[in-house]
């Protein structure tokens, strides 16, 4: 199942994409929250590829949008770091930086 949902993150509207267990039962969900200048993604996706393409991306764990927004950022690409995203901030704080 693929879910696309508009999310209100502290007054900013962003689009979330969730693919439920893409590898089958027992696999984690795949999540991406799309912002104006980059995206927040789960660890299921490839941070090295995001960096290679110069994307502003933050990696945050979570199986649902609410978890991803509440959990801390685990890693950032240099482009996201240049926009003020730092390890340890919440996913919601990263969305605010990437959507400004």
Protein backbone atom coordinates (compact mmCIF):
# COMPACT_ATOMS: atom_id res chain seq x y z
CA UNK A 1 0.00 0.00 0.00
CA UNK A 2 1.18 3.51 -0.83
CA UNK A 3 -0.12 6.45 1.18
CA UNK A 4 0.31 10.09 0.12
CA UNK A 5 -0.76 12.61 2.73
CA UNK A 6 -0.54 16.35 3.22
CA UNK A 7 1.01 17.08 6.61
CA UNK A 8 0.76 20.27 8.62
CA UNK A 9 4.07 20.72 10.42
CA UNK A 10 3.88 23.78 12.64
CA UNK A 11 1.80 25.64 10.05
CA UNK A 12 3.84 24.50 7.05
CA UNK A 13 2.18 22.13 4.57
CA UNK A 14 4.40 19.36 3.22
CA UNK A 15 3.67 16.11 1.45
CA UNK A 16 4.35 12.72 3.01
CA UNK A 17 4.80 9.47 1.13
CA UNK A 18 4.66 6.12 2.93
CA UNK A 19 5.15 2.72 1.34
CA UNK A 20 3.99 0.01 3.73
CA UNK A 21 6.47 -2.87 4.09
CA UNK A 22 7.88 -2.66 0.53
CA UNK A 23 9.95 -5.79 1.10
CA UNK A 24 7.02 -7.79 2.41
CA UNK A 25 5.66 -8.66 5.82
CA UNK A 26 8.10 -7.93 8.61
CA UNK A 27 9.97 -5.24 6.68
CA UNK A 28 9.90 -1.62 7.83
CA UNK A 29 7.85 1.04 6.10
CA UNK A 30 9.53 3.46 3.71
CA UNK A 31 8.82 7.14 4.40
CA UNK A 32 9.68 10.42 2.69
CA UNK A 33 8.46 13.87 3.69
CA UNK A 34 8.88 16.25 0.75
CA UNK A 35 9.77 19.88 1.47
CA UNK A 36 10.51 22.93 -0.70
CA UNK A 37 14.31 22.57 -0.45
CA UNK A 38 14.80 18.90 0.32
CA UNK A 39 13.30 16.00 2.19
CA UNK A 40 13.24 13.97 5.37
CA UNK A 41 13.62 10.26 4.72
CA UNK A 42 13.75 7.07 6.70
CA UNK A 43 16.85 4.94 7.00
CA UNK A 44 15.40 2.51 4.47
CA UNK A 45 16.48 4.93 1.75
CA UNK A 46 20.05 5.55 0.63
CA UNK A 47 21.77 8.53 2.28
CA UNK A 48 24.87 8.11 0.11
CA UNK A 49 22.79 8.49 -3.06
CA UNK A 50 21.10 11.61 -1.67
CA UNK A 51 24.52 13.08 -0.96
CA UNK A 52 25.88 12.06 -4.38
CA UNK A 53 23.05 13.97 -6.09
CA UNK A 54 23.55 17.02 -3.87
CA UNK A 55 20.13 16.62 -2.21
CA UNK A 56 19.30 18.29 1.07
CA UNK A 57 18.17 15.27 3.08
CA UNK A 58 17.78 14.36 6.73
CA UNK A 59 17.55 10.74 7.89
CA UNK A 60 15.04 10.08 10.67
CA UNK A 61 13.69 6.75 11.89
CA UNK A 62 9.99 5.98 12.19
CA UNK A 63 7.29 3.72 10.78
CA UNK A 64 4.64 6.47 10.60
CA UNK A 65 4.67 10.19 9.79
CA UNK A 66 4.06 11.15 13.44
CA UNK A 67 7.05 9.09 14.59
CA UNK A 68 9.31 10.48 11.87
CA UNK A 69 8.39 14.04 12.82
CA UNK A 70 8.95 13.38 16.54
CA UNK A 71 12.16 11.32 16.34
CA UNK A 72 15.66 12.80 16.22
CA UNK A 73 17.62 13.30 13.03
CA UNK A 74 20.29 10.57 12.75
CA UNK A 75 22.23 11.88 9.75
CA UNK A 76 22.22 14.81 7.31
CA UNK A 77 23.68 15.46 3.90
CA UNK A 78 26.03 18.45 3.48
CA UNK A 79 23.29 20.31 1.57
CA UNK A 80 20.85 19.86 4.46
CA UNK A 81 23.49 20.91 6.95
CA UNK A 82 24.03 24.10 4.92
CA UNK A 83 20.31 24.85 5.43
CA UNK A 84 20.65 24.50 9.21
CA UNK A 85 19.58 20.87 9.71
CA UNK A 86 21.59 19.20 12.47
CA UNK A 87 21.82 15.75 13.99
CA UNK A 88 19.63 15.49 17.08
CA UNK A 89 16.92 17.97 16.08
CA UNK A 90 13.48 16.46 15.56
CA UNK A 91 12.14 15.50 12.17
CA UNK A 92 9.64 18.36 12.49
CA UNK A 93 12.46 20.84 13.10
CA UNK A 94 14.27 19.47 10.04
CA UNK A 95 11.08 19.91 7.98
CA UNK A 96 10.88 23.55 9.08
CA UNK A 97 14.47 24.17 7.91
CA UNK A 98 14.00 22.30 4.62
CA UNK A 99 10.66 23.96 3.88
CA UNK A 100 11.61 27.57 4.66
